[in-house]
Amino acid sequence: MADKPTEIDWQREFVIPVVLPATTISTEILPVRLKKDAEGNLVLTYKVQRGEDMKTAEIRPFTAIIVSRDFLAPVRLEEAN
């Protein structure tokens, strides 16, 4: 893990967040692909990996993808099967 979070240049970049409901299950969100569809929307496909029940802790799984503003468009999120 880095000492500092990745810096975002808001003039050149934007962020696509993926946030899941709180859970006691160890959960990781993995980006699979980011592409434009026929209508010009950005489609972020992600996979959710679930692990063991942590029993005494609750987390809110989250990931964020930094994208160049060159690709700015409406975003649709899709969970991969």
PDB file of N, CA and C in Angstrom:
ATOM      1  N   MET A   1       0.844  -1.177   0.000  1.00  0.00           N
ATOM      2  CA  MET A   1       0.000   0.000   0.000  1.00  0.00           C
ATOM      3  C   MET A   1       0.888   1.239   0.000  1.00  0.00           C
ATOM      4  N   ALA A   2       0.559   2.208  -0.798  1.00  0.00           N
ATOM      5  CA  ALA A   2       1.345   3.435  -0.914  1.00  0.00           C
ATOM      6  C   ALA A   2       1.156   4.315   0.313  1.00  0.00           C
ATOM      7  N   ASP A   3       2.111   5.213   0.509  1.00  0.00           N
ATOM      8  CA  ASP A   3       2.023   6.144   1.630  1.00  0.00           C
ATOM      9  C   ASP A   3       0.898   7.154   1.444  1.00  0.00           C
ATOM     10  N   LYS A   4       0.659   7.538   0.186  1.00  0.00           N
ATOM     11  CA  LYS A   4      -0.365   8.539  -0.114  1.00  0.00           C
ATOM     12  C   LYS A   4      -1.329   7.978  -1.157  1.00  0.00           C
ATOM     13  N   PRO A   5      -2.568   8.435  -1.134  1.00  0.00           N
ATOM     14  CA  PRO A   5      -3.503   8.025  -2.190  1.00  0.00           C
ATOM     15  C   PRO A   5      -3.042   8.568  -3.546  1.00  0.00           C
ATOM     16  N   THR A   6      -3.460   7.915  -4.612  1.00  0.00           N
ATOM     17  CA  THR A   6      -3.159   8.391  -5.954  1.00  0.00           C
ATOM     18  C   THR A   6      -3.774   9.770  -6.148  1.00  0.00           C
ATOM     19  N   GLU A   7      -2.965  10.710  -6.611  1.00  0.00           N
ATOM     20  CA  GLU A   7      -3.488  12.059  -6.853  1.00  0.00           C
ATOM     21  C   GLU A   7      -4.331  12.061  -8.122  1.00  0.00           C
ATOM     22  N   ILE A   8      -5.391  12.857  -8.099  1.00  0.00           N
ATOM     23  CA  ILE A   8      -6.285  12.988  -9.247  1.00  0.00           C
ATOM     24  C   ILE A   8      -6.193  14.412  -9.756  1.00  0.00           C
ATOM     25  N   ASP A   9      -5.909  14.559 -11.036  1.00  0.00           N
ATOM     26  CA  ASP A   9      -5.895  15.870 -11.678  1.00  0.00           C
ATOM     27  C   ASP A   9      -7.301  16.091 -12.238  1.00  0.00           C
ATOM     28  N   TRP A  10      -8.142  16.773 -11.461  1.00  0.00           N
ATOM     29  CA  TRP A  10      -9.553  16.932 -11.817  1.00  0.00           C
ATOM     30  C   TRP A  10      -9.747  17.704 -13.115  1.00  0.00           C
ATOM     31  N   GLN A  11      -8.730  18.430 -13.564  1.00  0.00           N
ATOM     32  CA  GLN A  11      -8.823  19.135 -14.846  1.00  0.00           C
ATOM     33  C   GLN A  11      -8.698  18.157 -16.021  1.00  0.00           C
ATOM     34  N   ARG A  12      -7.988  17.044 -15.802  1.00  0.00           N
ATOM     35  CA  ARG A  12      -7.717  16.089 -16.873  1.00  0.00           C
ATOM     36  C   ARG A  12      -8.352  14.720 -16.664  1.00  0.00           C
ATOM     37  N   GLU A  13      -8.844  14.468 -15.457  1.00  0.00           N
ATOM     38  CA  GLU A  13      -9.336  13.133 -15.124  1.00  0.00           C
ATOM     39  C   GLU A  13     -10.670  13.196 -14.391  1.00  0.00           C
ATOM     40  N   PHE A  14     -11.379  12.085 -14.393  1.00  0.00           N
ATOM     41  CA  PHE A  14     -12.579  11.935 -13.573  1.00  0.00           C
ATOM     42  C   PHE A  14     -12.540  10.545 -12.948  1.00  0.00           C
ATOM     43  N   VAL A  15     -13.416  10.287 -11.994  1.00  0.00           N
ATOM     44  CA  VAL A  15     -13.394   9.034 -11.244  1.00  0.00           C
ATOM     45  C   VAL A  15     -14.725   8.309 -11.395  1.00  0.00           C
ATOM     46  N   ILE A  16     -14.635   7.001 -11.609  1.00  0.00           N
ATOM     47  CA  ILE A  16     -15.818   6.147 -11.612  1.00  0.00           C
ATOM     48  C   ILE A  16     -15.751   5.300 -10.340  1.00  0.00           C
ATOM     49  N   PRO A  17     -16.647   5.553  -9.370  1.00  0.00           N
ATOM     50  CA  PRO A  17     -16.642   4.748  -8.149  1.00  0.00           C
ATOM     51  C   PRO A  17     -17.583   3.544  -8.272  1.00  0.00           C
ATOM     52  N   VAL A  18     -17.227   2.467  -7.591  1.00  0.00           N
ATOM     53  CA  VAL A  18     -18.113   1.311  -7.439  1.00  0.00           C
ATOM     54  C   VAL A  18     -18.199   1.059  -5.940  1.00  0.00           C
ATOM     55  N   VAL A  19     -19.403   1.178  -5.382  1.00  0.00           N
ATOM     56  CA  VAL A  19     -19.603   1.033  -3.942  1.00  0.00           C
ATOM     57  C   VAL A  19     -20.701  -0.006  -3.714  1.00  0.00           C
ATOM     58  N   LEU A  20     -20.409  -0.974  -2.869  1.00  0.00           N
ATOM     59  CA  LEU A  20     -21.374  -2.029  -2.548  1.00  0.00           C
ATOM     60  C   LEU A  20     -21.926  -1.816  -1.142  1.00  0.00           C
ATOM     61  N   PRO A  21     -23.041  -2.451  -0.812  1.00  0.00           N
ATOM     62  CA  PRO A  21     -23.598  -2.325   0.540  1.00  0.00           C
ATOM     63  C   PRO A  21     -22.643  -2.894   1.596  1.00  0.00           C
ATOM     64  N   ALA A  22     -22.796  -2.412   2.817  1.00  0.00           N
ATOM     65  CA  ALA A  22     -21.990  -2.903   3.938  1.00  0.00           C
ATOM     66  C   ALA A  22     -22.217  -4.402   4.121  1.00  0.00           C
ATOM     67  N   THR A  23     -21.149  -5.094   4.532  1.00  0.00           N
ATOM     68  CA  THR A  23     -21.208  -6.546   4.692  1.00  0.00           C
ATOM     69  C   THR A  23     -20.176  -7.012   5.717  1.00  0.00           C
ATOM     70  N   THR A  24     -20.390  -8.189   6.250  1.00  0.00           N
ATOM     71  CA  THR A  24     -19.389  -8.809   7.127  1.00  0.00           C
ATOM     72  C   THR A  24     -18.558  -9.838   6.357  1.00  0.00           C
ATOM     73  N   ILE A  25     -18.846 -10.007   5.073  1.00  0.00           N
ATOM     74  CA  ILE A  25     -18.111 -10.944   4.217  1.00  0.00           C
ATOM     75  C   ILE A  25     -16.932 -10.210   3.579  1.00  0.00           C
ATOM     76  N   SER A  26     -15.747 -10.792   3.660  1.00  0.00           N
ATOM     77  CA  SER A  26     -14.576 -10.224   2.991  1.00  0.00           C
ATOM     78  C   SER A  26     -14.889 -10.104   1.500  1.00  0.00           C
ATOM     79  N   THR A  27     -14.792  -8.891   0.940  1.00  0.00           N
ATOM     80  CA  THR A  27     -15.232  -8.641  -0.431  1.00  0.00           C
ATOM     81  C   THR A  27     -14.235  -7.757  -1.156  1.00  0.00           C
ATOM     82  N   GLU A  28     -13.929  -8.127  -2.416  1.00  0.00           N
ATOM     83  CA  GLU A  28     -13.037  -7.332  -3.249  1.00  0.00           C
ATOM     84  C   GLU A  28     -13.734  -7.056  -4.575  1.00  0.00           C
ATOM     85  N   ILE A  29     -13.632  -5.815  -5.066  1.00  0.00           N
ATOM     86  CA  ILE A  29     -14.205  -5.427  -6.357  1.00  0.00           C
ATOM     87  C   ILE A  29     -13.060  -5.343  -7.358  1.00  0.00           C
ATOM     88  N   LEU A  30     -13.162  -6.115  -8.444  1.00  0.00           N
ATOM     89  CA  LEU A  30     -12.097  -6.176  -9.444  1.00  0.00           C
ATOM     90  C   LEU A  30     -12.598  -5.644 -10.784  1.00  0.00           C
ATOM     91  N   PRO A  31     -12.025  -4.554 -11.300  1.00  0.00           N
ATOM     92  CA  PRO A  31     -12.409  -4.073 -12.627  1.00  0.00           C
ATOM     93  C   PRO A  31     -12.041  -5.113 -13.690  1.00  0.00           C
ATOM     94  N   VAL A  32     -12.950  -5.352 -14.625  1.00  0.00           N
ATOM     95  CA  VAL A  32     -12.714  -6.319 -15.700  1.00  0.00           C
ATOM     96  C   VAL A  32     -12.421  -5.589 -17.000  1.00  0.00           C
ATOM     97  N   ARG A  33     -13.277  -4.616 -17.351  1.00  0.00           N
ATOM     98  CA  ARG A  33     -13.043  -3.847 -18.583  1.00  0.00           C
ATOM     99  C   ARG A  33     -13.817  -2.536 -18.533  1.00  0.00           C
ATOM    100  N   LEU A  34     -13.327  -1.584 -19.313  1.00  0.00           N
ATOM    101  CA  LEU A  34     -13.985  -0.290 -19.485  1.00  0.00           C
ATOM    102  C   LEU A  34     -14.032  -0.031 -20.979  1.00  0.00           C
ATOM    103  N   LYS A  35     -15.238   0.104 -21.521  1.00  0.00           N
ATOM    104  CA  LYS A  35     -15.367   0.319 -22.962  1.00  0.00           C
ATOM    105  C   LYS A  35     -16.555   1.222 -23.247  1.00  0.00           C
ATOM    106  N   LYS A  36     -16.584   1.773 -24.454  1.00  0.00           N
ATOM    107  CA  LYS A  36     -17.734   2.565 -24.896  1.00  0.00           C
ATOM    108  C   LYS A  36     -18.698   1.650 -25.625  1.00  0.00           C
ATOM    109  N   ASP A  37     -20.008   1.847 -25.358  1.00  0.00           N
ATOM    110  CA  ASP A  37     -21.010   1.056 -26.069  1.00  0.00           C
ATOM    111  C   ASP A  37     -21.451   1.797 -27.328  1.00  0.00           C
ATOM    112  N   ALA A  38     -22.400   1.232 -28.055  1.00  0.00           N
ATOM    113  CA  ALA A  38     -22.858   1.801 -29.326  1.00  0.00           C
ATOM    114  C   ALA A  38     -23.477   3.182 -29.159  1.00  0.00           C
ATOM    115  N   GLU A  39     -24.035   3.473 -27.962  1.00  0.00           N
ATOM    116  CA  GLU A  39     -24.657   4.776 -27.711  1.00  0.00           C
ATOM    117  C   GLU A  39     -23.651   5.806 -27.206  1.00  0.00           C
ATOM    118  N   GLY A  40     -22.393   5.420 -27.042  1.00  0.00           N
ATOM    119  CA  GLY A  40     -21.372   6.351 -26.573  1.00  0.00           C
ATOM    120  C   GLY A  40     -21.203   6.391 -25.065  1.00  0.00           C
ATOM    121  N   ASN A  41     -21.907   5.523 -24.341  1.00  0.00           N
ATOM    122  CA  ASN A  41     -21.762   5.454 -22.886  1.00  0.00           C
ATOM    123  C   ASN A  41     -20.521   4.648 -22.522  1.00  0.00           C
ATOM    124  N   LEU A  42     -19.899   4.993 -21.401  1.00  0.00           N
ATOM    125  CA  LEU A  42     -18.820   4.167 -20.861  1.00  0.00           C
ATOM    126  C   LEU A  42     -19.449   3.050 -20.043  1.00  0.00           C
ATOM    127  N   VAL A  43     -18.998   1.831 -20.256  1.00  0.00           N
ATOM    128  CA  VAL A  43     -19.506   0.680 -19.510  1.00  0.00           C
ATOM    129  C   VAL A  43     -18.337   0.092 -18.720  1.00  0.00           C
ATOM    130  N   LEU A  44     -18.440   0.158 -17.394  1.00  0.00           N
ATOM    131  CA  LEU A  44     -17.433  -0.436 -16.525  1.00  0.00           C
ATOM    132  C   LEU A  44     -17.961  -1.780 -16.043  1.00  0.00           C
ATOM    133  N   THR A  45     -17.289  -2.841 -16.453  1.00  0.00           N
ATOM    134  CA  THR A  45     -17.643  -4.184 -16.001  1.00  0.00           C
ATOM    135  C   THR A  45     -16.693  -4.552 -14.871  1.00  0.00           C
ATOM    136  N   TYR A  46     -17.259  -5.060 -13.780  1.00  0.00           N
ATOM    137  CA  TYR A  46     -16.451  -5.421 -12.619  1.00  0.00           C
ATOM    138  C   TYR A  46     -16.892  -6.781 -12.091  1.00  0.00           C
ATOM    139  N   LYS A  47     -15.983  -7.417 -11.370  1.00  0.00           N
ATOM    140  CA  LYS A  47     -16.253  -8.719 -10.768  1.00  0.00           C
ATOM    141  C   LYS A  47     -16.147  -8.563  -9.259  1.00  0.00           C
ATOM    142  N   VAL A  48     -17.004  -9.254  -8.526  1.00  0.00           N
ATOM    143  CA  VAL A  48     -16.970  -9.214  -7.061  1.00  0.00           C
ATOM    144  C   VAL A  48     -16.473 -10.564  -6.558  1.00  0.00           C
ATOM    145  N   GLN A  49     -15.396 -10.533  -5.782  1.00  0.00           N
ATOM    146  CA  GLN A  49     -14.886 -11.753  -5.149  1.00  0.00           C
ATOM    147  C   GLN A  49     -15.228 -11.695  -3.676  1.00  0.00           C
ATOM    148  N   ARG A  50     -15.932 -12.719  -3.228  1.00  0.00           N
ATOM    149  CA  ARG A  50     -16.310 -12.786  -1.816  1.00  0.00           C
ATOM    150  C   ARG A  50     -15.521 -13.892  -1.138  1.00  0.00           C
ATOM    151  N   GLY A  51     -15.102 -13.614   0.092  1.00  0.00           N
ATOM    152  CA  GLY A  51     -14.314 -14.579   0.851  1.00  0.00           C
ATOM    153  C   GLY A  51     -15.049 -15.034   2.090  1.00  0.00           C
ATOM    154  N   GLU A  52     -14.324 -15.061   3.190  1.00  0.00           N
ATOM    155  CA  GLU A  52     -14.859 -15.573   4.445  1.00  0.00           C
ATOM    156  C   GLU A  52     -15.657 -14.525   5.208  1.00  0.00           C
ATOM    157  N   ASP A  53     -16.532 -15.007   6.062  1.00  0.00           N
ATOM    158  CA  ASP A  53     -17.280 -14.137   6.970  1.00  0.00           C
ATOM    159  C   ASP A  53     -16.308 -13.639   8.039  1.00  0.00           C
ATOM    160  N   MET A  54     -16.211 -12.317   8.187  1.00  0.00           N
ATOM    161  CA  MET A  54     -15.285 -11.728   9.159  1.00  0.00           C
ATOM    162  C   MET A  54     -15.883 -11.698  10.557  1.00  0.00           C
ATOM    163  N   LYS A  55     -17.148 -12.000  10.680  1.00  0.00           N
ATOM    164  CA  LYS A  55     -17.902 -12.134  11.934  1.00  0.00           C
ATOM    165  C   LYS A  55     -17.909 -10.895  12.825  1.00  0.00           C
ATOM    166  N   THR A  56     -16.757 -10.324  13.140  1.00  0.00           N
ATOM    167  CA  THR A  56     -16.725  -9.213  14.101  1.00  0.00           C
ATOM    168  C   THR A  56     -16.464  -7.861  13.452  1.00  0.00           C
ATOM    169  N   ALA A  57     -16.377  -7.817  12.124  1.00  0.00           N
ATOM    170  CA  ALA A  57     -16.115  -6.544  11.445  1.00  0.00           C
ATOM    171  C   ALA A  57     -17.074  -6.380  10.276  1.00  0.00           C
ATOM    172  N   GLU A  58     -17.392  -5.131   9.977  1.00  0.00           N
ATOM    173  CA  GLU A  58     -18.245  -4.828   8.831  1.00  0.00           C
ATOM    174  C   GLU A  58     -17.481  -3.873   7.925  1.00  0.00           C
ATOM    175  N   ILE A  59     -17.535  -4.136   6.608  1.00  0.00           N
ATOM    176  CA  ILE A  59     -16.859  -3.277   5.646  1.00  0.00           C
ATOM    177  C   ILE A  59     -17.860  -2.770   4.620  1.00  0.00           C
ATOM    178  N   ARG A  60     -17.467  -1.742   3.907  1.00  0.00           N
ATOM    179  CA  ARG A  60     -18.238  -1.241   2.767  1.00  0.00           C
ATOM    180  C   ARG A  60     -17.311  -1.326   1.556  1.00  0.00           C
ATOM    181  N   PRO A  61     -17.423  -2.395   0.752  1.00  0.00           N
ATOM    182  CA  PRO A  61     -16.517  -2.571  -0.386  1.00  0.00           C
ATOM    183  C   PRO A  61     -16.599  -1.392  -1.353  1.00  0.00           C
ATOM    184  N   PHE A  62     -15.426  -0.946  -1.827  1.00  0.00           N
ATOM    185  CA  PHE A  62     -15.341   0.247  -2.658  1.00  0.00           C
ATOM    186  C   PHE A  62     -14.120   0.147  -3.559  1.00  0.00           C
ATOM    187  N   THR A  63     -14.256   0.594  -4.789  1.00  0.00           N
ATOM    188  CA  THR A  63     -13.109   0.808  -5.659  1.00  0.00           C
ATOM    189  C   THR A  63     -13.403   2.035  -6.504  1.00  0.00           C
ATOM    190  N   ALA A  64     -12.356   2.646  -7.018  1.00  0.00           N
ATOM    191  CA  ALA A  64     -12.508   3.831  -7.858  1.00  0.00           C
ATOM    192  C   ALA A  64     -11.540   3.728  -9.026  1.00  0.00           C
ATOM    193  N   ILE A  65     -12.023   4.028 -10.213  1.00  0.00           N
ATOM    194  CA  ILE A  65     -11.216   3.978 -11.425  1.00  0.00           C
ATOM    195  C   ILE A  65     -10.994   5.410 -11.899  1.00  0.00           C
ATOM    196  N   ILE A  66      -9.750   5.785 -12.110  1.00  0.00           N
ATOM    197  CA  ILE A  66      -9.416   7.117 -12.617  1.00  0.00           C
ATOM    198  C   ILE A  66      -9.330   7.024 -14.136  1.00  0.00           C
ATOM    199  N   VAL A  67     -10.063   7.917 -14.827  1.00  0.00           N
ATOM    200  CA  VAL A  67     -10.159   7.876 -16.286  1.00  0.00           C
ATOM    201  C   VAL A  67      -9.852   9.261 -16.846  1.00  0.00           C
ATOM    202  N   SER A  68      -9.188   9.307 -17.984  1.00  0.00           N
ATOM    203  CA  SER A  68      -8.908  10.574 -18.659  1.00  0.00           C
ATOM    204  C   SER A  68     -10.217  11.234 -19.085  1.00  0.00           C
ATOM    205  N   ARG A  69     -10.280  12.552 -18.954  1.00  0.00           N
ATOM    206  CA  ARG A  69     -11.468  13.293 -19.394  1.00  0.00           C
ATOM    207  C   ARG A  69     -11.682  13.194 -20.903  1.00  0.00           C
ATOM    208  N   ASP A  70     -10.681  12.720 -21.636  1.00  0.00           N
ATOM    209  CA  ASP A  70     -10.854  12.494 -23.076  1.00  0.00           C
ATOM    210  C   ASP A  70     -11.988  11.504 -23.335  1.00  0.00           C
ATOM    211  N   PHE A  71     -12.304  10.681 -22.334  1.00  0.00           N
ATOM    212  CA  PHE A  71     -13.329   9.645 -22.477  1.00  0.00           C
ATOM    213  C   PHE A  71     -14.593   9.956 -21.683  1.00  0.00           C
ATOM    214  N   LEU A  72     -14.757  11.201 -21.245  1.00  0.00           N
ATOM    215  CA  LEU A  72     -15.905  11.591 -20.424  1.00  0.00           C
ATOM    216  C   LEU A  72     -17.215  11.305 -21.162  1.00  0.00           C
ATOM    217  N   ALA A  73     -18.090  10.545 -20.512  1.00  0.00           N
ATOM    218  CA  ALA A  73     -19.391  10.162 -21.071  1.00  0.00           C
ATOM    219  C   ALA A  73     -20.230   9.618 -19.926  1.00  0.00           C
ATOM    220  N   PRO A  74     -21.547   9.477 -20.130  1.00  0.00           N
ATOM    221  CA  PRO A  74     -22.364   8.820 -19.106  1.00  0.00           C
ATOM    222  C   PRO A  74     -21.813   7.415 -18.832  1.00  0.00           C
ATOM    223  N   VAL A  75     -21.914   6.983 -17.576  1.00  0.00           N
ATOM    224  CA  VAL A  75     -21.324   5.707 -17.158  1.00  0.00           C
ATOM    225  C   VAL A  75     -22.412   4.720 -16.756  1.00  0.00           C
ATOM    226  N   ARG A  76     -22.215   3.462 -17.161  1.00  0.00           N
ATOM    227  CA  ARG A  76     -23.084   2.369 -16.732  1.00  0.00           C
ATOM    228  C   ARG A  76     -22.195   1.309 -16.081  1.00  0.00           C
ATOM    229  N   LEU A  77     -22.609   0.815 -14.925  1.00  0.00           N
ATOM    230  CA  LEU A  77     -21.874  -0.230 -14.223  1.00  0.00           C
ATOM    231  C   LEU A  77     -22.539  -1.572 -14.478  1.00  0.00           C
ATOM    232  N   GLU A  78     -21.722  -2.602 -14.736  1.00  0.00           N
ATOM    233  CA  GLU A  78     -22.241  -3.955 -14.942  1.00  0.00           C
ATOM    234  C   GLU A  78     -21.395  -4.928 -14.141  1.00  0.00           C
ATOM    235  N   GLU A  79     -22.053  -5.764 -13.343  1.00  0.00           N
ATOM    236  CA  GLU A  79     -21.325  -6.810 -12.625  1.00  0.00           C
ATOM    237  C   GLU A  79     -21.186  -8.020 -13.536  1.00  0.00           C
ATOM    238  N   ALA A  80     -19.958  -8.518 -13.679  1.00  0.00           N
ATOM    239  CA  ALA A  80     -19.697  -9.703 -14.502  1.00  0.00           C
ATOM    240  C   ALA A  80     -20.248 -10.937 -13.801  1.00  0.00           C
ATOM    241  N   ASN A  81     -20.695 -11.896 -14.586  1.00  0.00           N
ATOM    242  CA  ASN A  81     -21.221 -13.147 -14.017  1.00  0.00           C
ATOM    243  C   ASN A  81     -20.108 -14.048 -13.560  1.00  0.00           C
TER     244      ASN A  81
END
